[in-house]
Amino acid sequence: HGTFLLNFNLELVSELVRSPSKEPDYRAGRPHGTFITNLHVDAAAIKSALQKAWGADQKLSAIPNITKLVLEKYSTDEWNLKF
């Protein structure tokens, strides 16, 4: 997953998100705040770029059944362990 930070209070991240109990060597004890930044890009530009990249040019005709997706897809080992 990922998050596009546009106008986020970055100081809150180190205050509210705990450091991991295990960390890779490259992290070198650095706090979360050193890994993130605001993009300083208009939200509409991000939305437009994502729509274009993902071919998402149609509105949903119905909201997917999230419970069914979780049970049948996203909670399976096939989905979660495929990489």
PDB file of N, CA and C in Angstrom:
ATOM      1  N   HIS A   1       0.836  -1.153   0.000  1.00  0.00           N
ATOM      2  CA  HIS A   1       0.000   0.000   0.000  1.00  0.00           C
ATOM      3  C   HIS A   1       0.887   1.223   0.000  1.00  0.00           C
ATOM      4  N   GLY A   2       0.267   2.326  -0.282  1.00  0.00           N
ATOM      5  CA  GLY A   2       0.990   3.579  -0.270  1.00  0.00           C
ATOM      6  C   GLY A   2       0.048   4.716   0.049  1.00  0.00           C
ATOM      7  N   THR A   3       0.625   5.819   0.379  1.00  0.00           N
ATOM      8  CA  THR A   3      -0.158   6.994   0.710  1.00  0.00           C
ATOM      9  C   THR A   3       0.484   8.203   0.067  1.00  0.00           C
ATOM     10  N   PHE A   4      -0.324   9.039  -0.533  1.00  0.00           N
ATOM     11  CA  PHE A   4       0.155  10.298  -1.079  1.00  0.00           C
ATOM     12  C   PHE A   4      -0.113  11.384  -0.043  1.00  0.00           C
ATOM     13  N   LEU A   5       0.941  11.902   0.548  1.00  0.00           N
ATOM     14  CA  LEU A   5       0.792  12.968   1.534  1.00  0.00           C
ATOM     15  C   LEU A   5       0.869  14.301   0.807  1.00  0.00           C
ATOM     16  N   LEU A   6      -0.164  15.110   0.975  1.00  0.00           N
ATOM     17  CA  LEU A   6      -0.218  16.375   0.257  1.00  0.00           C
ATOM     18  C   LEU A   6      -0.065  17.571   1.184  1.00  0.00           C
ATOM     19  N   ASN A   7      -0.682  17.509   2.329  1.00  0.00           N
ATOM     20  CA  ASN A   7      -0.671  18.640   3.251  1.00  0.00           C
ATOM     21  C   ASN A   7      -0.723  18.096   4.670  1.00  0.00           C
ATOM     22  N   PHE A   8       0.089  17.108   4.952  1.00  0.00           N
ATOM     23  CA  PHE A   8       0.026  16.371   6.202  1.00  0.00           C
ATOM     24  C   PHE A   8       0.980  16.958   7.227  1.00  0.00           C
ATOM     25  N   ASN A   9       0.584  16.948   8.489  1.00  0.00           N
ATOM     26  CA  ASN A   9       1.457  17.389   9.569  1.00  0.00           C
ATOM     27  C   ASN A   9       2.457  16.266   9.844  1.00  0.00           C
ATOM     28  N   LEU A  10       3.628  16.361   9.269  1.00  0.00           N
ATOM     29  CA  LEU A  10       4.622  15.288   9.343  1.00  0.00           C
ATOM     30  C   LEU A  10       5.136  15.046  10.753  1.00  0.00           C
ATOM     31  N   GLU A  11       5.090  16.047  11.605  1.00  0.00           N
ATOM     32  CA  GLU A  11       5.555  15.881  12.987  1.00  0.00           C
ATOM     33  C   GLU A  11       4.710  14.863  13.741  1.00  0.00           C
ATOM     34  N   LEU A  12       3.464  14.708  13.348  1.00  0.00           N
ATOM     35  CA  LEU A  12       2.586  13.756  14.030  1.00  0.00           C
ATOM     36  C   LEU A  12       3.015  12.308  13.826  1.00  0.00           C
ATOM     37  N   VAL A  13       3.656  12.004  12.729  1.00  0.00           N
ATOM     38  CA  VAL A  13       4.004  10.619  12.420  1.00  0.00           C
ATOM     39  C   VAL A  13       4.928  10.037  13.480  1.00  0.00           C
ATOM     40  N   SER A  14       6.015  10.705  13.768  1.00  0.00           N
ATOM     41  CA  SER A  14       6.946  10.187  14.775  1.00  0.00           C
ATOM     42  C   SER A  14       6.320  10.175  16.162  1.00  0.00           C
ATOM     43  N   GLU A  15       5.376  11.074  16.386  1.00  0.00           N
ATOM     44  CA  GLU A  15       4.699  11.139  17.681  1.00  0.00           C
ATOM     45  C   GLU A  15       3.671  10.017  17.844  1.00  0.00           C
ATOM     46  N   LEU A  16       2.973   9.663  16.764  1.00  0.00           N
ATOM     47  CA  LEU A  16       1.854   8.739  16.867  1.00  0.00           C
ATOM     48  C   LEU A  16       2.132   7.320  16.385  1.00  0.00           C
ATOM     49  N   VAL A  17       3.133   7.138  15.528  1.00  0.00           N
ATOM     50  CA  VAL A  17       3.426   5.807  14.982  1.00  0.00           C
ATOM     51  C   VAL A  17       4.658   5.249  15.690  1.00  0.00           C
ATOM     52  N   ARG A  18       4.482   4.096  16.303  1.00  0.00           N
ATOM     53  CA  ARG A  18       5.589   3.476  17.032  1.00  0.00           C
ATOM     54  C   ARG A  18       6.689   2.996  16.086  1.00  0.00           C
ATOM     55  N   SER A  19       7.895   3.001  16.576  1.00  0.00           N
ATOM     56  CA  SER A  19       9.004   2.430  15.808  1.00  0.00           C
ATOM     57  C   SER A  19       8.860   0.915  15.809  1.00  0.00           C
ATOM     58  N   PRO A  20       9.298   0.271  14.738  1.00  0.00           N
ATOM     59  CA  PRO A  20       9.158  -1.193  14.669  1.00  0.00           C
ATOM     60  C   PRO A  20      10.082  -1.888  15.669  1.00  0.00           C
ATOM     61  N   SER A  21       9.656  -3.056  16.142  1.00  0.00           N
ATOM     62  CA  SER A  21      10.493  -3.819  17.069  1.00  0.00           C
ATOM     63  C   SER A  21      11.724  -4.381  16.351  1.00  0.00           C
ATOM     64  N   LYS A  22      11.572  -4.677  15.074  1.00  0.00           N
ATOM     65  CA  LYS A  22      12.692  -5.117  14.244  1.00  0.00           C
ATOM     66  C   LYS A  22      12.779  -4.144  13.091  1.00  0.00           C
ATOM     67  N   GLU A  23      13.973  -3.867  12.669  1.00  0.00           N
ATOM     68  CA  GLU A  23      14.120  -2.957  11.530  1.00  0.00           C
ATOM     69  C   GLU A  23      15.299  -3.366  10.670  1.00  0.00           C
ATOM     70  N   PRO A  24      15.220  -3.104   9.367  1.00  0.00           N
ATOM     71  CA  PRO A  24      16.334  -3.441   8.467  1.00  0.00           C
ATOM     72  C   PRO A  24      17.523  -2.514   8.734  1.00  0.00           C
ATOM     73  N   ASP A  25      18.704  -2.959   8.348  1.00  0.00           N
ATOM     74  CA  ASP A  25      19.921  -2.182   8.580  1.00  0.00           C
ATOM     75  C   ASP A  25      19.850  -0.778   7.981  1.00  0.00           C
ATOM     76  N   TYR A  26      19.235  -0.646   6.792  1.00  0.00           N
ATOM     77  CA  TYR A  26      19.207   0.660   6.133  1.00  0.00           C
ATOM     78  C   TYR A  26      18.469   1.713   6.950  1.00  0.00           C
ATOM     79  N   ARG A  27      17.611   1.280   7.831  1.00  0.00           N
ATOM     80  CA  ARG A  27      16.849   2.240   8.642  1.00  0.00           C
ATOM     81  C   ARG A  27      17.754   2.960   9.634  1.00  0.00           C
ATOM     82  N   ALA A  28      18.749   2.259  10.142  1.00  0.00           N
ATOM     83  CA  ALA A  28      19.780   2.848  11.013  1.00  0.00           C
ATOM     84  C   ALA A  28      19.194   3.633  12.188  1.00  0.00           C
ATOM     85  N   GLY A  29      18.089   3.147  12.741  1.00  0.00           N
ATOM     86  CA  GLY A  29      17.493   3.794  13.901  1.00  0.00           C
ATOM     87  C   GLY A  29      16.771   5.099  13.616  1.00  0.00           C
ATOM     88  N   ARG A  30      16.629   5.444  12.341  1.00  0.00           N
ATOM     89  CA  ARG A  30      15.980   6.720  12.000  1.00  0.00           C
ATOM     90  C   ARG A  30      14.477   6.648  12.267  1.00  0.00           C
ATOM     91  N   PRO A  31      13.879   7.754  12.691  1.00  0.00           N
ATOM     92  CA  PRO A  31      12.440   7.777  12.944  1.00  0.00           C
ATOM     93  C   PRO A  31      11.642   7.823  11.637  1.00  0.00           C
ATOM     94  N   HIS A  32      10.345   7.533  11.740  1.00  0.00           N
ATOM     95  CA  HIS A  32       9.460   7.521  10.577  1.00  0.00           C
ATOM     96  C   HIS A  32       9.536   8.817   9.770  1.00  0.00           C
ATOM     97  N   GLY A  33       9.630   9.923  10.464  1.00  0.00           N
ATOM     98  CA  GLY A  33       9.608  11.220   9.798  1.00  0.00           C
ATOM     99  C   GLY A  33      10.694  11.421   8.765  1.00  0.00           C
ATOM    100  N   THR A  34      11.768  10.664   8.842  1.00  0.00           N
ATOM    101  CA  THR A  34      12.850  10.804   7.861  1.00  0.00           C
ATOM    102  C   THR A  34      12.569  10.060   6.559  1.00  0.00           C
ATOM    103  N   PHE A  35      11.488   9.293   6.539  1.00  0.00           N
ATOM    104  CA  PHE A  35      11.148   8.498   5.365  1.00  0.00           C
ATOM    105  C   PHE A  35       9.970   9.064   4.575  1.00  0.00           C
ATOM    106  N   ILE A  36       9.401  10.163   5.031  1.00  0.00           N
ATOM    107  CA  ILE A  36       8.187  10.681   4.399  1.00  0.00           C
ATOM    108  C   ILE A  36       8.323  12.162   4.078  1.00  0.00           C
ATOM    109  N   THR A  37       7.485  12.605   3.159  1.00  0.00           N
ATOM    110  CA  THR A  37       7.433  14.027   2.821  1.00  0.00           C
ATOM    111  C   THR A  37       6.080  14.328   2.179  1.00  0.00           C
ATOM    112  N   ASN A  38       5.700  15.562   2.215  1.00  0.00           N
ATOM    113  CA  ASN A  38       4.526  16.006   1.476  1.00  0.00           C
ATOM    114  C   ASN A  38       4.931  16.229   0.026  1.00  0.00           C
ATOM    115  N   LEU A  39       4.042  15.941  -0.898  1.00  0.00           N
ATOM    116  CA  LEU A  39       4.362  16.045  -2.321  1.00  0.00           C
ATOM    117  C   LEU A  39       4.288  17.464  -2.873  1.00  0.00           C
ATOM    118  N   HIS A  40       3.536  18.330  -2.229  1.00  0.00           N
ATOM    119  CA  HIS A  40       3.366  19.702  -2.722  1.00  0.00           C
ATOM    120  C   HIS A  40       2.828  19.693  -4.160  1.00  0.00           C
ATOM    121  N   VAL A  41       1.826  18.838  -4.379  1.00  0.00           N
ATOM    122  CA  VAL A  41       1.150  18.708  -5.663  1.00  0.00           C
ATOM    123  C   VAL A  41      -0.347  18.807  -5.402  1.00  0.00           C
ATOM    124  N   ASP A  42      -1.068  19.383  -6.344  1.00  0.00           N
ATOM    125  CA  ASP A  42      -2.512  19.512  -6.212  1.00  0.00           C
ATOM    126  C   ASP A  42      -3.174  18.137  -6.188  1.00  0.00           C
ATOM    127  N   ALA A  43      -4.132  17.944  -5.291  1.00  0.00           N
ATOM    128  CA  ALA A  43      -4.825  16.659  -5.164  1.00  0.00           C
ATOM    129  C   ALA A  43      -5.483  16.237  -6.475  1.00  0.00           C
ATOM    130  N   ALA A  44      -6.029  17.184  -7.208  1.00  0.00           N
ATOM    131  CA  ALA A  44      -6.676  16.857  -8.487  1.00  0.00           C
ATOM    132  C   ALA A  44      -5.671  16.286  -9.485  1.00  0.00           C
ATOM    133  N   ALA A  45      -4.439  16.777  -9.457  1.00  0.00           N
ATOM    134  CA  ALA A  45      -3.407  16.262 -10.359  1.00  0.00           C
ATOM    135  C   ALA A  45      -3.060  14.816 -10.019  1.00  0.00           C
ATOM    136  N   ILE A  46      -2.985  14.505  -8.729  1.00  0.00           N
ATOM    137  CA  ILE A  46      -2.711  13.124  -8.297  1.00  0.00           C
ATOM    138  C   ILE A  46      -3.853  12.211  -8.742  1.00  0.00           C
ATOM    139  N   LYS A  47      -5.087  12.633  -8.478  1.00  0.00           N
ATOM    140  CA  LYS A  47      -6.250  11.822  -8.861  1.00  0.00           C
ATOM    141  C   LYS A  47      -6.270  11.573 -10.363  1.00  0.00           C
ATOM    142  N   SER A  48      -6.008  12.597 -11.139  1.00  0.00           N
ATOM    143  CA  SER A  48      -6.016  12.475 -12.591  1.00  0.00           C
ATOM    144  C   SER A  48      -4.931  11.508 -13.071  1.00  0.00           C
ATOM    145  N   ALA A  49      -3.737  11.628 -12.509  1.00  0.00           N
ATOM    146  CA  ALA A  49      -2.628  10.752 -12.903  1.00  0.00           C
ATOM    147  C   ALA A  49      -2.931   9.292 -12.554  1.00  0.00           C
ATOM    148  N   LEU A  50      -3.516   9.064 -11.371  1.00  0.00           N
ATOM    149  CA  LEU A  50      -3.863   7.697 -10.986  1.00  0.00           C
ATOM    150  C   LEU A  50      -4.960   7.129 -11.876  1.00  0.00           C
ATOM    151  N   GLN A  51      -5.964   7.942 -12.178  1.00  0.00           N
ATOM    152  CA  GLN A  51      -7.033   7.476 -13.060  1.00  0.00           C
ATOM    153  C   GLN A  51      -6.473   7.074 -14.420  1.00  0.00           C
ATOM    154  N   LYS A  52      -5.560   7.880 -14.932  1.00  0.00           N
ATOM    155  CA  LYS A  52      -4.961   7.585 -16.238  1.00  0.00           C
ATOM    156  C   LYS A  52      -4.099   6.316 -16.170  1.00  0.00           C
ATOM    157  N   ALA A  53      -3.244   6.229 -15.145  1.00  0.00           N
ATOM    158  CA  ALA A  53      -2.342   5.082 -15.016  1.00  0.00           C
ATOM    159  C   ALA A  53      -3.094   3.772 -14.813  1.00  0.00           C
ATOM    160  N   TRP A  54      -4.196   3.827 -14.079  1.00  0.00           N
ATOM    161  CA  TRP A  54      -4.950   2.614 -13.766  1.00  0.00           C
ATOM    162  C   TRP A  54      -6.110   2.376 -14.721  1.00  0.00           C
ATOM    163  N   GLY A  55      -6.299   3.241 -15.700  1.00  0.00           N
ATOM    164  CA  GLY A  55      -7.406   3.077 -16.630  1.00  0.00           C
ATOM    165  C   GLY A  55      -8.756   3.155 -15.923  1.00  0.00           C
ATOM    166  N   ALA A  56      -8.828   3.976 -14.904  1.00  0.00           N
ATOM    167  CA  ALA A  56     -10.054   4.092 -14.102  1.00  0.00           C
ATOM    168  C   ALA A  56     -10.883   5.251 -14.622  1.00  0.00           C
ATOM    169  N   ASP A  57     -11.468   5.058 -15.792  1.00  0.00           N
ATOM    170  CA  ASP A  57     -12.200   6.155 -16.417  1.00  0.00           C
ATOM    171  C   ASP A  57     -13.718   5.982 -16.348  1.00  0.00           C
ATOM    172  N   GLN A  58     -14.166   4.947 -15.637  1.00  0.00           N
ATOM    173  CA  GLN A  58     -15.600   4.730 -15.484  1.00  0.00           C
ATOM    174  C   GLN A  58     -15.961   4.733 -14.000  1.00  0.00           C
ATOM    175  N   LYS A  59     -17.147   5.255 -13.696  1.00  0.00           N
ATOM    176  CA  LYS A  59     -17.625   5.225 -12.319  1.00  0.00           C
ATOM    177  C   LYS A  59     -18.145   3.834 -12.005  1.00  0.00           C
ATOM    178  N   LEU A  60     -18.036   3.432 -10.736  1.00  0.00           N
ATOM    179  CA  LEU A  60     -18.579   2.152 -10.311  1.00  0.00           C
ATOM    180  C   LEU A  60     -20.093   2.172 -10.422  1.00  0.00           C
ATOM    181  N   SER A  61     -20.645   1.113 -10.946  1.00  0.00           N
ATOM    182  CA  SER A  61     -22.106   1.022 -11.008  1.00  0.00           C
ATOM    183  C   SER A  61     -22.658   0.538  -9.673  1.00  0.00           C
ATOM    184  N   ALA A  62     -21.814  -0.159  -8.902  1.00  0.00           N
ATOM    185  CA  ALA A  62     -22.210  -0.637  -7.572  1.00  0.00           C
ATOM    186  C   ALA A  62     -20.955  -0.769  -6.718  1.00  0.00           C
ATOM    187  N   ILE A  63     -21.102  -0.593  -5.433  1.00  0.00           N
ATOM    188  CA  ILE A  63     -19.978  -0.766  -4.513  1.00  0.00           C
ATOM    189  C   ILE A  63     -19.735  -2.261  -4.333  1.00  0.00           C
ATOM    190  N   PRO A  64     -18.481  -2.707  -4.482  1.00  0.00           N
ATOM    191  CA  PRO A  64     -18.192  -4.141  -4.321  1.00  0.00           C
ATOM    192  C   PRO A  64     -18.520  -4.621  -2.907  1.00  0.00           C
ATOM    193  N   ASN A  65     -18.835  -5.896  -2.778  1.00  0.00           N
ATOM    194  CA  ASN A  65     -19.105  -6.508  -1.481  1.00  0.00           C
ATOM    195  C   ASN A  65     -17.755  -6.746  -0.793  1.00  0.00           C
ATOM    196  N   ILE A  66     -17.368  -5.835   0.085  1.00  0.00           N
ATOM    197  CA  ILE A  66     -16.054  -5.876   0.733  1.00  0.00           C
ATOM    198  C   ILE A  66     -15.898  -7.125   1.592  1.00  0.00           C
ATOM    199  N   THR A  67     -16.930  -7.500   2.317  1.00  0.00           N
ATOM    200  CA  THR A  67     -16.856  -8.694   3.169  1.00  0.00           C
ATOM    201  C   THR A  67     -16.546  -9.925   2.338  1.00  0.00           C
ATOM    202  N   LYS A  68     -17.209 -10.056   1.205  1.00  0.00           N
ATOM    203  CA  LYS A  68     -16.967 -11.202   0.328  1.00  0.00           C
ATOM    204  C   LYS A  68     -15.541 -11.185  -0.212  1.00  0.00           C
ATOM    205  N   LEU A  69     -15.056 -10.007  -0.613  1.00  0.00           N
ATOM    206  CA  LEU A  69     -13.682  -9.902  -1.104  1.00  0.00           C
ATOM    207  C   LEU A  69     -12.664 -10.294  -0.028  1.00  0.00           C
ATOM    208  N   VAL A  70     -12.904  -9.857   1.192  1.00  0.00           N
ATOM    209  CA  VAL A  70     -11.993 -10.214   2.289  1.00  0.00           C
ATOM    210  C   VAL A  70     -11.986 -11.713   2.502  1.00  0.00           C
ATOM    211  N   LEU A  71     -13.159 -12.307   2.585  1.00  0.00           N
ATOM    212  CA  LEU A  71     -13.251 -13.742   2.858  1.00  0.00           C
ATOM    213  C   LEU A  71     -12.720 -14.603   1.728  1.00  0.00           C
ATOM    214  N   GLU A  72     -13.026 -14.240   0.506  1.00  0.00           N
ATOM    215  CA  GLU A  72     -12.690 -15.095  -0.633  1.00  0.00           C
ATOM    216  C   GLU A  72     -11.359 -14.769  -1.295  1.00  0.00           C
ATOM    217  N   LYS A  73     -10.812 -13.583  -1.033  1.00  0.00           N
ATOM    218  CA  LYS A  73      -9.584 -13.201  -1.726  1.00  0.00           C
ATOM    219  C   LYS A  73      -8.495 -12.707  -0.769  1.00  0.00           C
ATOM    220  N   TYR A  74      -8.772 -11.593  -0.101  1.00  0.00           N
ATOM    221  CA  TYR A  74      -7.714 -10.900   0.638  1.00  0.00           C
ATOM    222  C   TYR A  74      -7.268 -11.585   1.920  1.00  0.00           C
ATOM    223  N   SER A  75      -7.988 -12.568   2.404  1.00  0.00           N
ATOM    224  CA  SER A  75      -7.551 -13.283   3.607  1.00  0.00           C
ATOM    225  C   SER A  75      -6.923 -14.635   3.270  1.00  0.00           C
ATOM    226  N   THR A  76      -6.754 -14.928   2.000  1.00  0.00           N
ATOM    227  CA  THR A  76      -6.202 -16.226   1.606  1.00  0.00           C
ATOM    228  C   THR A  76      -4.675 -16.192   1.540  1.00  0.00           C
ATOM    229  N   ASP A  77      -4.069 -17.335   1.807  1.00  0.00           N
ATOM    230  CA  ASP A  77      -2.613 -17.448   1.681  1.00  0.00           C
ATOM    231  C   ASP A  77      -2.172 -17.204   0.244  1.00  0.00           C
ATOM    232  N   GLU A  78      -2.968 -17.646  -0.713  1.00  0.00           N
ATOM    233  CA  GLU A  78      -2.632 -17.448  -2.126  1.00  0.00           C
ATOM    234  C   GLU A  78      -2.426 -15.962  -2.426  1.00  0.00           C
ATOM    235  N   TRP A  79      -3.292 -15.113  -1.877  1.00  0.00           N
ATOM    236  CA  TRP A  79      -3.171 -13.669  -2.093  1.00  0.00           C
ATOM    237  C   TRP A  79      -2.038 -13.069  -1.257  1.00  0.00           C
ATOM    238  N   ASN A  80      -1.991 -13.412   0.026  1.00  0.00           N
ATOM    239  CA  ASN A  80      -1.068 -12.765   0.952  1.00  0.00           C
ATOM    240  C   ASN A  80       0.361 -13.266   0.872  1.00  0.00           C
ATOM    241  N   LEU A  81       0.573 -14.460   0.366  1.00  0.00           N
ATOM    242  CA  LEU A  81       1.921 -15.019   0.318  1.00  0.00           C
ATOM    243  C   LEU A  81       2.445 -15.182  -1.101  1.00  0.00           C
ATOM    244  N   LYS A  82       1.853 -14.475  -2.050  1.00  0.00           N
ATOM    245  CA  LYS A  82       2.237 -14.681  -3.448  1.00  0.00           C
ATOM    246  C   LYS A  82       3.576 -14.062  -3.813  1.00  0.00           C
ATOM    247  N   PHE A  83       4.114 -13.200  -2.980  1.00  0.00           N
ATOM    248  CA  PHE A  83       5.414 -12.606  -3.297  1.00  0.00           C
ATOM    249  C   PHE A  83       6.470 -13.158  -2.417  1.00  0.00           C
TER     250      PHE A  83
END
